[in-house]
Amino acid sequence: ERYDEFDDDSPTGNDEGYKWRVVREFQKHWDIDAEDFASMFKKAFEEVQKSNLIDNKTVQPIGGITLLLKYDDEVEFVRECFKELFSDDNGDIDLRQERIETFIDKINLHIDKYVKGSWKYPQQRNNVIYYLNLWKPEENYIFKSTEATEWANCIEFGNDFGSGNTFSLKKYYNMCDELLAELKNND
């Protein structure tokens, strides 16, 4: 497996490799065309839910999707939403952002039918960006607003990627691409 090199804890005791192990386990089990989509989804996200990467004690967006998957008439809807989210965009980051926003709107509308006004289960942009990262980490970065903004300020990144309705995935990915290029220059 291509993420096996991350199995060992770092010498400092900070185990950041768990993020790559989560990706490996997700990719091992993810099958959009699985006959039993609900069981596949649960297995694919099992390690993700054990971590603090998306769900936590306060918010549980994966839990929101799992809630939908308990209803037979929602399973194909969820599958179709993921098919659309995970469709090829030929590197068009603007289109990718549109797919993210569409996914959020559609899924949250359905979650709201079962837990009206819930703040615990809805999808947020950072969660959906993380789903994309699990699916294709070589094309997608994770997004944590506070950390990303702090980093942008630290490096005096001149192309504000915004927040809320002004957020630009393209500008954020540009910042990440610049960081990645610099890391590759460092032995």
N, C-alpha and C. Protein backbone atom coordinates (compact mmCIF):
# COMPACT_ATOMS: atom_id res chain seq x y z
N GLU A 1 0.84 -1.19 0.00
CA GLU A 1 0.00 0.00 0.00
C GLU A 1 0.88 1.25 0.00
N ARG A 2 0.40 2.29 -0.66
CA ARG A 2 1.21 3.49 -0.77
C ARG A 2 1.26 4.32 0.50
N TYR A 3 0.42 4.02 1.49
CA TYR A 3 0.44 4.80 2.73
C TYR A 3 1.05 4.01 3.89
N ASP A 4 1.61 2.83 3.61
CA ASP A 4 2.20 2.01 4.66
C ASP A 4 3.37 2.70 5.34
N GLU A 5 4.09 3.55 4.62
CA GLU A 5 5.24 4.22 5.20
C GLU A 5 4.86 5.11 6.37
N PHE A 6 3.59 5.40 6.53
CA PHE A 6 3.13 6.27 7.61
C PHE A 6 2.65 5.49 8.82
N ASP A 7 2.90 4.16 8.84
CA ASP A 7 2.39 3.35 9.94
C ASP A 7 3.12 3.58 11.26
N ASP A 8 4.35 4.03 11.22
CA ASP A 8 5.11 4.20 12.44
C ASP A 8 4.87 5.56 13.06
N ASP A 9 4.85 5.59 14.39
CA ASP A 9 4.75 6.86 15.08
C ASP A 9 6.05 7.63 14.87
N SER A 10 5.95 8.94 14.92
CA SER A 10 7.15 9.76 14.74
C SER A 10 8.02 9.68 15.97
N PRO A 11 9.31 9.99 15.84
CA PRO A 11 10.22 9.94 16.99
C PRO A 11 9.82 10.92 18.08
N THR A 12 9.07 11.95 17.75
CA THR A 12 8.66 12.94 18.74
C THR A 12 7.45 12.48 19.53
N GLY A 13 6.86 11.37 19.11
CA GLY A 13 5.67 10.88 19.79
C GLY A 13 4.38 11.42 19.22
N ASN A 14 4.47 12.33 18.25
CA ASN A 14 3.27 12.86 17.60
C ASN A 14 2.91 11.95 16.44
N ASP A 15 1.81 11.26 16.57
CA ASP A 15 1.41 10.31 15.54
C ASP A 15 0.53 11.01 14.51
N GLU A 16 1.14 11.67 13.54
CA GLU A 16 0.38 12.29 12.46
C GLU A 16 0.13 11.30 11.34
N GLY A 17 0.79 10.15 11.38
CA GLY A 17 0.59 9.13 10.37
C GLY A 17 -0.81 8.53 10.38
N TYR A 18 -1.52 8.71 11.50
CA TYR A 18 -2.86 8.15 11.58
C TYR A 18 -3.76 8.72 10.48
N LYS A 19 -3.49 9.94 10.05
CA LYS A 19 -4.30 10.55 9.00
C LYS A 19 -4.17 9.76 7.70
N TRP A 20 -2.96 9.28 7.42
CA TRP A 20 -2.74 8.51 6.20
C TRP A 20 -3.29 7.10 6.34
N ARG A 21 -3.25 6.56 7.56
CA ARG A 21 -3.85 5.24 7.77
C ARG A 21 -5.36 5.31 7.57
N VAL A 22 -5.97 6.42 7.98
CA VAL A 22 -7.41 6.63 7.76
C VAL A 22 -7.70 6.65 6.25
N VAL A 23 -6.86 7.36 5.49
CA VAL A 23 -7.03 7.41 4.03
C VAL A 23 -6.92 6.00 3.46
N ARG A 24 -5.92 5.27 3.89
CA ARG A 24 -5.72 3.90 3.38
C ARG A 24 -6.95 3.03 3.65
N GLU A 25 -7.47 3.09 4.85
CA GLU A 25 -8.63 2.26 5.20
C GLU A 25 -9.87 2.71 4.43
N PHE A 26 -10.05 4.02 4.27
CA PHE A 26 -11.17 4.52 3.49
C PHE A 26 -11.08 3.97 2.06
N GLN A 27 -9.93 4.12 1.45
CA GLN A 27 -9.77 3.71 0.06
C GLN A 27 -9.89 2.19 -0.11
N LYS A 28 -9.50 1.47 0.90
CA LYS A 28 -9.60 0.00 0.84
C LYS A 28 -11.06 -0.44 0.76
N HIS A 29 -11.95 0.29 1.41
CA HIS A 29 -13.34 -0.15 1.52
C HIS A 29 -14.32 0.63 0.63
N TRP A 30 -13.92 1.81 0.15
CA TRP A 30 -14.87 2.63 -0.61
C TRP A 30 -15.18 2.00 -1.96
N ASP A 31 -16.47 1.83 -2.24
CA ASP A 31 -16.94 1.31 -3.52
C ASP A 31 -18.30 1.93 -3.79
N ILE A 32 -18.32 2.97 -4.60
CA ILE A 32 -19.55 3.72 -4.87
C ILE A 32 -20.65 2.83 -5.44
N ASP A 33 -20.26 1.74 -6.09
CA ASP A 33 -21.24 0.85 -6.71
C ASP A 33 -21.56 -0.37 -5.85
N ALA A 34 -21.17 -0.35 -4.59
CA ALA A 34 -21.42 -1.50 -3.71
C ALA A 34 -22.90 -1.83 -3.67
N GLU A 35 -23.19 -3.12 -3.70
CA GLU A 35 -24.58 -3.55 -3.64
C GLU A 35 -25.24 -3.08 -2.34
N ASP A 36 -24.52 -3.23 -1.24
CA ASP A 36 -25.02 -2.75 0.05
C ASP A 36 -24.25 -1.47 0.40
N PHE A 37 -24.71 -0.38 -0.17
CA PHE A 37 -24.02 0.91 -0.02
C PHE A 37 -23.92 1.33 1.44
N ALA A 38 -24.98 1.14 2.22
CA ALA A 38 -24.97 1.57 3.62
C ALA A 38 -23.88 0.84 4.42
N SER A 39 -23.75 -0.47 4.22
CA SER A 39 -22.71 -1.23 4.94
C SER A 39 -21.33 -0.82 4.46
N MET A 40 -21.17 -0.62 3.16
CA MET A 40 -19.88 -0.19 2.62
C MET A 40 -19.51 1.16 3.21
N PHE A 41 -20.44 2.10 3.24
CA PHE A 41 -20.19 3.43 3.78
C PHE A 41 -19.71 3.33 5.22
N LYS A 42 -20.41 2.55 6.02
CA LYS A 42 -20.04 2.38 7.43
C LYS A 42 -18.62 1.84 7.55
N LYS A 43 -18.28 0.84 6.76
CA LYS A 43 -16.94 0.24 6.82
C LYS A 43 -15.89 1.24 6.32
N ALA A 44 -16.17 1.95 5.24
CA ALA A 44 -15.20 2.90 4.68
C ALA A 44 -14.91 4.04 5.66
N PHE A 45 -15.90 4.45 6.43
CA PHE A 45 -15.73 5.58 7.35
C PHE A 45 -15.45 5.15 8.79
N GLU A 46 -15.31 3.86 9.02
CA GLU A 46 -15.10 3.35 10.37
C GLU A 46 -13.85 3.97 11.03
N GLU A 47 -12.73 3.93 10.34
CA GLU A 47 -11.50 4.49 10.92
C GLU A 47 -11.56 6.01 11.00
N VAL A 48 -12.24 6.63 10.06
CA VAL A 48 -12.40 8.09 10.09
C VAL A 48 -13.15 8.48 11.36
N GLN A 49 -14.20 7.74 11.68
CA GLN A 49 -14.99 8.06 12.86
C GLN A 49 -14.25 7.78 14.16
N LYS A 50 -13.27 6.90 14.15
CA LYS A 50 -12.47 6.64 15.35
C LYS A 50 -11.49 7.77 15.61
N SER A 51 -11.20 8.54 14.58
CA SER A 51 -10.26 9.66 14.70
C SER A 51 -11.03 10.93 15.03
N ASN A 52 -10.33 12.03 15.10
CA ASN A 52 -10.95 13.33 15.34
C ASN A 52 -11.00 14.17 14.06
N LEU A 53 -10.88 13.54 12.92
CA LEU A 53 -10.70 14.28 11.68
C LEU A 53 -11.98 14.93 11.17
N ILE A 54 -13.11 14.31 11.39
CA ILE A 54 -14.37 14.88 10.89
C ILE A 54 -15.40 14.92 12.01
N ASP A 55 -15.79 13.78 12.53
CA ASP A 55 -16.75 13.74 13.64
C ASP A 55 -16.02 13.96 14.97
N ASN A 56 -16.71 14.61 15.89
CA ASN A 56 -16.22 14.73 17.26
C ASN A 56 -17.43 14.73 18.19
N LYS A 57 -17.24 15.04 19.45
CA LYS A 57 -18.36 15.00 20.39
C LYS A 57 -19.41 16.06 20.08
N THR A 58 -19.01 17.14 19.45
CA THR A 58 -19.92 18.25 19.21
C THR A 58 -20.65 18.13 17.87
N VAL A 59 -19.90 17.88 16.81
CA VAL A 59 -20.49 17.77 15.48
C VAL A 59 -20.18 16.40 14.88
N GLN A 60 -21.15 15.87 14.16
CA GLN A 60 -20.98 14.53 13.59
C GLN A 60 -21.58 14.48 12.19
N PRO A 61 -20.92 15.12 11.22
CA PRO A 61 -21.45 15.09 9.86
C PRO A 61 -21.50 13.69 9.27
N ILE A 62 -20.53 12.84 9.59
CA ILE A 62 -20.61 11.45 9.11
C ILE A 62 -21.81 10.78 9.77
N GLY A 63 -22.02 11.09 11.03
CA GLY A 63 -23.20 10.58 11.72
C GLY A 63 -24.49 11.03 11.05
N GLY A 64 -24.50 12.23 10.48
CA GLY A 64 -25.67 12.71 9.76
C GLY A 64 -25.95 11.89 8.52
N ILE A 65 -24.89 11.55 7.80
CA ILE A 65 -25.06 10.71 6.61
C ILE A 65 -25.46 9.30 7.01
N THR A 66 -24.86 8.79 8.08
CA THR A 66 -25.22 7.47 8.59
C THR A 66 -26.69 7.45 8.99
N LEU A 67 -27.17 8.55 9.57
CA LEU A 67 -28.59 8.67 9.91
C LEU A 67 -29.45 8.51 8.67
N LEU A 68 -29.09 9.20 7.59
CA LEU A 68 -29.85 9.07 6.34
C LEU A 68 -29.84 7.63 5.83
N LEU A 69 -28.71 6.97 5.96
CA LEU A 69 -28.58 5.62 5.42
C LEU A 69 -29.40 4.58 6.18
N LYS A 70 -29.98 4.97 7.30
CA LYS A 70 -30.88 4.08 8.04
C LYS A 70 -32.23 3.96 7.34
N TYR A 71 -32.51 4.89 6.44
CA TYR A 71 -33.79 4.91 5.73
C TYR A 71 -33.57 4.40 4.31
N ASP A 72 -34.24 3.32 3.96
CA ASP A 72 -34.05 2.68 2.66
C ASP A 72 -34.23 3.66 1.50
N ASP A 73 -35.20 4.56 1.64
CA ASP A 73 -35.45 5.49 0.53
C ASP A 73 -34.42 6.61 0.43
N GLU A 74 -33.47 6.66 1.34
CA GLU A 74 -32.40 7.67 1.29
C GLU A 74 -31.08 7.11 0.75
N VAL A 75 -30.93 5.80 0.75
CA VAL A 75 -29.65 5.19 0.39
C VAL A 75 -29.20 5.59 -1.01
N GLU A 76 -30.08 5.44 -1.98
CA GLU A 76 -29.69 5.78 -3.35
C GLU A 76 -29.46 7.28 -3.51
N PHE A 77 -30.20 8.08 -2.76
CA PHE A 77 -29.98 9.52 -2.77
C PHE A 77 -28.55 9.85 -2.30
N VAL A 78 -28.14 9.25 -1.19
CA VAL A 78 -26.79 9.48 -0.66
C VAL A 78 -25.74 9.00 -1.65
N ARG A 79 -25.95 7.83 -2.22
CA ARG A 79 -25.01 7.31 -3.22
C ARG A 79 -24.87 8.30 -4.37
N GLU A 80 -25.98 8.80 -4.88
CA GLU A 80 -25.94 9.75 -6.00
C GLU A 80 -25.23 11.04 -5.61
N CYS A 81 -25.43 11.50 -4.40
CA CYS A 81 -24.73 12.71 -3.94
C CYS A 81 -23.22 12.49 -3.93
N PHE A 82 -22.79 11.32 -3.47
CA PHE A 82 -21.35 11.03 -3.47
C PHE A 82 -20.83 10.82 -4.89
N LYS A 83 -21.63 10.21 -5.75
CA LYS A 83 -21.19 10.06 -7.14
C LYS A 83 -20.94 11.44 -7.76
N GLU A 84 -21.84 12.36 -7.51
CA GLU A 84 -21.67 13.70 -8.05
C GLU A 84 -20.46 14.39 -7.43
N LEU A 85 -20.32 14.29 -6.11
CA LEU A 85 -19.19 14.91 -5.43
C LEU A 85 -17.87 14.35 -5.93
N PHE A 86 -17.81 13.04 -6.11
CA PHE A 86 -16.58 12.36 -6.50
C PHE A 86 -16.42 12.23 -8.01
N SER A 87 -17.18 12.96 -8.77
CA SER A 87 -17.03 12.88 -10.23
C SER A 87 -15.81 13.65 -10.69
N ASP A 88 -15.28 13.26 -11.83
CA ASP A 88 -14.07 13.88 -12.37
C ASP A 88 -14.37 15.29 -12.84
N ASP A 89 -13.47 16.21 -12.51
CA ASP A 89 -13.65 17.60 -12.94
C ASP A 89 -12.46 18.09 -13.76
N ASN A 90 -11.56 17.17 -14.11
CA ASN A 90 -10.38 17.51 -14.91
C ASN A 90 -9.58 18.67 -14.31
N GLY A 91 -9.54 18.74 -12.98
CA GLY A 91 -8.75 19.76 -12.30
C GLY A 91 -9.41 21.12 -12.21
N ASP A 92 -10.68 21.23 -12.58
CA ASP A 92 -11.40 22.50 -12.51
C ASP A 92 -11.84 22.72 -11.06
N ILE A 93 -11.06 23.51 -10.32
CA ILE A 93 -11.31 23.72 -8.90
C ILE A 93 -12.59 24.49 -8.66
N ASP A 94 -12.95 25.39 -9.56
CA ASP A 94 -14.22 26.11 -9.41
C ASP A 94 -15.40 25.14 -9.49
N LEU A 95 -15.33 24.21 -10.43
CA LEU A 95 -16.37 23.19 -10.55
C LEU A 95 -16.39 22.31 -9.30
N ARG A 96 -15.22 21.99 -8.78
CA ARG A 96 -15.13 21.18 -7.56
C ARG A 96 -15.81 21.91 -6.40
N GLN A 97 -15.59 23.22 -6.30
CA GLN A 97 -16.24 23.98 -5.24
C GLN A 97 -17.76 23.97 -5.43
N GLU A 98 -18.21 24.09 -6.65
CA GLU A 98 -19.66 24.01 -6.91
C GLU A 98 -20.23 22.67 -6.46
N ARG A 99 -19.49 21.59 -6.74
CA ARG A 99 -19.94 20.25 -6.33
C ARG A 99 -19.99 20.14 -4.81
N ILE A 100 -19.02 20.75 -4.13
CA ILE A 100 -19.00 20.75 -2.67
C ILE A 100 -20.25 21.44 -2.13
N GLU A 101 -20.53 22.63 -2.64
CA GLU A 101 -21.68 23.41 -2.17
C GLU A 101 -22.99 22.69 -2.48
N THR A 102 -23.09 22.06 -3.65
CA THR A 102 -24.30 21.31 -4.01
C THR A 102 -24.49 20.13 -3.07
N PHE A 103 -23.41 19.41 -2.79
CA PHE A 103 -23.46 18.28 -1.87
C PHE A 103 -23.98 18.73 -0.51
N ILE A 104 -23.43 19.81 0.02
CA ILE A 104 -23.84 20.33 1.32
C ILE A 104 -25.33 20.65 1.32
N ASP A 105 -25.76 21.39 0.32
CA ASP A 105 -27.17 21.81 0.25
C ASP A 105 -28.11 20.61 0.18
N LYS A 106 -27.79 19.66 -0.70
CA LYS A 106 -28.67 18.51 -0.89
C LYS A 106 -28.73 17.63 0.36
N ILE A 107 -27.58 17.25 0.87
CA ILE A 107 -27.55 16.35 2.03
C ILE A 107 -28.19 17.02 3.24
N ASN A 108 -27.87 18.28 3.48
CA ASN A 108 -28.43 18.96 4.66
C ASN A 108 -29.94 19.10 4.59
N LEU A 109 -30.46 19.28 3.39
CA LEU A 109 -31.91 19.36 3.23
C LEU A 109 -32.56 18.05 3.68
N HIS A 110 -31.93 16.93 3.34
CA HIS A 110 -32.47 15.63 3.73
C HIS A 110 -32.26 15.35 5.21
N ILE A 111 -31.11 15.72 5.76
CA ILE A 111 -30.87 15.54 7.19
C ILE A 111 -31.91 16.32 7.98
N ASP A 112 -32.21 17.52 7.51
CA ASP A 112 -33.17 18.38 8.21
C ASP A 112 -34.57 17.77 8.27
N LYS A 113 -34.89 16.88 7.34
CA LYS A 113 -36.20 16.21 7.38
C LYS A 113 -36.32 15.32 8.62
N TYR A 114 -35.19 14.78 9.10
CA TYR A 114 -35.23 13.83 10.20
C TYR A 114 -34.85 14.45 11.54
N VAL A 115 -33.99 15.44 11.52
CA VAL A 115 -33.56 16.13 12.74
C VAL A 115 -33.57 17.63 12.47
N LYS A 116 -34.76 18.18 12.37
CA LYS A 116 -34.96 19.59 11.99
C LYS A 116 -34.15 20.51 12.91
N GLY A 117 -33.38 21.38 12.25
CA GLY A 117 -32.63 22.39 12.99
C GLY A 117 -31.41 21.86 13.73
N SER A 118 -31.03 20.64 13.47
CA SER A 118 -29.87 20.07 14.16
C SER A 118 -28.60 20.81 13.79
N TRP A 119 -27.75 21.07 14.76
CA TRP A 119 -26.44 21.65 14.51
C TRP A 119 -25.37 20.57 14.57
N LYS A 120 -25.78 19.36 14.97
CA LYS A 120 -24.83 18.26 15.18
C LYS A 120 -24.50 17.50 13.89
N TYR A 121 -25.50 17.30 13.01
CA TYR A 121 -25.34 16.40 11.88
C TYR A 121 -25.10 17.03 10.51
N PRO A 122 -25.39 18.31 10.31
CA PRO A 122 -25.22 18.87 8.96
C PRO A 122 -23.78 18.84 8.45
N GLN A 123 -23.68 18.87 7.14
CA GLN A 123 -22.38 18.92 6.47
C GLN A 123 -21.90 20.37 6.44
N GLN A 124 -20.62 20.54 6.62
CA GLN A 124 -19.97 21.84 6.49
C GLN A 124 -18.90 21.71 5.41
N ARG A 125 -18.47 22.82 4.89
CA ARG A 125 -17.49 22.83 3.80
C ARG A 125 -16.23 22.03 4.15
N ASN A 126 -15.68 22.25 5.34
CA ASN A 126 -14.44 21.55 5.70
C ASN A 126 -14.62 20.04 5.72
N ASN A 127 -15.81 19.56 6.13
CA ASN A 127 -16.07 18.12 6.14
C ASN A 127 -16.08 17.55 4.74
N VAL A 128 -16.76 18.24 3.85
CA VAL A 128 -16.91 17.74 2.48
C VAL A 128 -15.57 17.81 1.75
N ILE A 129 -14.78 18.84 2.01
CA ILE A 129 -13.42 18.89 1.45
C ILE A 129 -12.62 17.69 1.95
N TYR A 130 -12.84 17.32 3.20
CA TYR A 130 -12.13 16.15 3.75
C TYR A 130 -12.58 14.87 3.04
N TYR A 131 -13.86 14.75 2.71
CA TYR A 131 -14.30 13.56 1.95
C TYR A 131 -13.53 13.47 0.64
N LEU A 132 -13.36 14.61 -0.03
CA LEU A 132 -12.60 14.63 -1.28
C LEU A 132 -11.16 14.21 -1.05
N ASN A 133 -10.59 14.65 0.06
CA ASN A 133 -9.21 14.29 0.39
C ASN A 133 -9.09 12.79 0.63
N LEU A 134 -10.06 12.20 1.29
CA LEU A 134 -10.04 10.75 1.51
C LEU A 134 -10.09 10.01 0.19
N TRP A 135 -10.90 10.52 -0.71
CA TRP A 135 -11.10 9.89 -2.02
C TRP A 135 -9.86 10.03 -2.90
N LYS A 136 -9.34 11.25 -3.02
CA LYS A 136 -8.16 11.49 -3.86
C LYS A 136 -7.24 12.50 -3.17
N PRO A 137 -6.42 12.01 -2.22
CA PRO A 137 -5.55 12.93 -1.48
C PRO A 137 -4.48 13.59 -2.36
N GLU A 138 -4.17 12.98 -3.51
CA GLU A 138 -3.18 13.58 -4.39
C GLU A 138 -3.74 14.80 -5.13
N GLU A 139 -5.07 15.00 -5.09
CA GLU A 139 -5.70 16.13 -5.78
C GLU A 139 -6.41 17.09 -4.82
N ASN A 140 -6.51 16.72 -3.55
CA ASN A 140 -7.30 17.50 -2.60
C ASN A 140 -6.56 17.67 -1.28
N TYR A 141 -6.69 18.85 -0.74
CA TYR A 141 -6.12 19.16 0.56
C TYR A 141 -7.23 19.13 1.61
N ILE A 142 -6.84 18.96 2.87
CA ILE A 142 -7.82 19.12 3.93
C ILE A 142 -7.95 20.61 4.23
N PHE A 143 -9.03 21.00 4.86
CA PHE A 143 -9.24 22.40 5.17
C PHE A 143 -9.74 22.54 6.60
N LYS A 144 -8.95 23.23 7.39
CA LYS A 144 -9.35 23.63 8.74
C LYS A 144 -9.18 25.14 8.76
N SER A 145 -10.28 25.83 8.87
CA SER A 145 -10.32 27.27 8.69
C SER A 145 -9.32 28.03 9.56
N THR A 146 -9.32 27.76 10.85
CA THR A 146 -8.44 28.50 11.77
C THR A 146 -6.98 28.30 11.40
N GLU A 147 -6.59 27.05 11.21
CA GLU A 147 -5.20 26.75 10.90
C GLU A 147 -4.80 27.32 9.53
N ALA A 148 -5.70 27.20 8.56
CA ALA A 148 -5.41 27.72 7.22
C ALA A 148 -5.23 29.23 7.24
N THR A 149 -6.10 29.91 7.96
CA THR A 149 -6.02 31.37 8.06
C THR A 149 -4.75 31.79 8.80
N GLU A 150 -4.42 31.08 9.87
CA GLU A 150 -3.19 31.39 10.61
C GLU A 150 -1.96 31.20 9.71
N TRP A 151 -1.96 30.12 8.93
CA TRP A 151 -0.84 29.88 8.04
C TRP A 151 -0.75 30.97 6.97
N ALA A 152 -1.88 31.33 6.39
CA ALA A 152 -1.91 32.39 5.37
C ALA A 152 -1.36 33.70 5.94
N ASN A 153 -1.73 34.00 7.17
CA ASN A 153 -1.22 35.22 7.81
C ASN A 153 0.27 35.11 8.08
N CYS A 154 0.71 33.94 8.52
CA CYS A 154 2.12 33.72 8.84
C CYS A 154 3.01 33.92 7.62
N ILE A 155 2.59 33.41 6.48
CA ILE A 155 3.42 33.52 5.27
C ILE A 155 3.08 34.75 4.45
N GLU A 156 2.14 35.55 4.99
CA GLU A 156 1.68 36.75 4.29
C GLU A 156 1.21 36.41 2.87
N PHE A 157 0.38 35.39 2.82
CA PHE A 157 -0.20 34.97 1.54
C PHE A 157 -1.08 36.09 1.02
N GLY A 158 -0.78 36.58 -0.14
CA GLY A 158 -1.44 37.78 -0.65
C GLY A 158 -2.75 37.56 -1.36
N ASN A 159 -3.23 36.34 -1.43
CA ASN A 159 -4.44 36.07 -2.19
C ASN A 159 -5.49 35.49 -1.24
N ASP A 160 -6.16 36.35 -0.50
CA ASP A 160 -7.12 35.94 0.53
C ASP A 160 -8.14 34.95 -0.01
N PHE A 161 -8.22 33.78 0.63
CA PHE A 161 -9.16 32.76 0.16
C PHE A 161 -10.53 32.92 0.80
N GLY A 162 -10.70 33.91 1.66
CA GLY A 162 -12.00 34.26 2.19
C GLY A 162 -12.57 33.25 3.17
N SER A 163 -13.84 33.46 3.49
CA SER A 163 -14.56 32.56 4.39
C SER A 163 -16.05 32.68 4.08
N GLY A 164 -16.82 31.74 4.60
CA GLY A 164 -18.26 31.78 4.36
C GLY A 164 -18.58 31.82 2.88
N ASN A 165 -19.45 32.75 2.49
CA ASN A 165 -19.86 32.86 1.09
C ASN A 165 -18.75 33.36 0.18
N THR A 166 -17.71 33.95 0.75
CA THR A 166 -16.61 34.48 -0.08
C THR A 166 -15.46 33.48 -0.23
N PHE A 167 -15.58 32.31 0.39
CA PHE A 167 -14.50 31.32 0.35
C PHE A 167 -14.21 30.91 -1.09
N SER A 168 -12.92 30.84 -1.41
CA SER A 168 -12.49 30.39 -2.74
C SER A 168 -11.59 29.17 -2.58
N LEU A 169 -12.10 28.02 -2.98
CA LEU A 169 -11.31 26.79 -2.93
C LEU A 169 -10.08 26.93 -3.81
N LYS A 170 -10.22 27.59 -4.94
CA LYS A 170 -9.09 27.75 -5.87
C LYS A 170 -7.95 28.52 -5.20
N LYS A 171 -8.27 29.60 -4.51
CA LYS A 171 -7.23 30.39 -3.83
C LYS A 171 -6.60 29.59 -2.69
N TYR A 172 -7.43 28.85 -1.96
CA TYR A 172 -6.90 28.02 -0.88
C TYR A 172 -5.97 26.95 -1.44
N TYR A 173 -6.40 26.27 -2.50
CA TYR A 173 -5.56 25.26 -3.12
C TYR A 173 -4.28 25.87 -3.68
N ASN A 174 -4.35 27.10 -4.19
CA ASN A 174 -3.13 27.78 -4.67
C ASN A 174 -2.13 27.93 -3.53
N MET A 175 -2.62 28.34 -2.36
CA MET A 175 -1.73 28.47 -1.20
C MET A 175 -1.12 27.12 -0.85
N CYS A 176 -1.94 26.07 -0.84
CA CYS A 176 -1.44 24.73 -0.52
C CYS A 176 -0.45 24.25 -1.56
N ASP A 177 -0.72 24.53 -2.83
CA ASP A 177 0.21 24.15 -3.90
C ASP A 177 1.57 24.82 -3.71
N GLU A 178 1.55 26.10 -3.34
CA GLU A 178 2.81 26.82 -3.09
C GLU A 178 3.58 26.18 -1.94
N LEU A 179 2.88 25.84 -0.88
CA LEU A 179 3.53 25.18 0.27
C LEU A 179 4.11 23.84 -0.14
N LEU A 180 3.34 23.06 -0.88
CA LEU A 180 3.81 21.75 -1.33
C LEU A 180 5.05 21.88 -2.21
N ALA A 181 5.06 22.87 -3.10
CA ALA A 181 6.22 23.09 -3.97
C ALA A 181 7.45 23.41 -3.13
N GLU A 182 7.29 24.22 -2.11
CA GLU A 182 8.42 24.55 -1.24
C GLU A 182 8.89 23.34 -0.46
N LEU A 183 7.96 22.52 0.01
CA LEU A 183 8.35 21.31 0.73
C LEU A 183 9.14 20.36 -0.15
N LYS A 184 8.77 20.28 -1.41
CA LYS A 184 9.50 19.40 -2.34
C LYS A 184 10.91 19.90 -2.60
N ASN A 185 11.14 21.18 -2.40
CA ASN A 185 12.49 21.75 -2.57
C ASN A 185 13.37 21.53 -1.36
N ASN A 186 12.80 21.03 -0.29
CA ASN A 186 13.52 20.86 0.97
C ASN A 186 13.88 19.39 1.16
N ASP A 187 15.16 19.11 1.22
CA ASP A 187 15.61 17.73 1.44
C ASP A 187 15.21 17.23 2.82
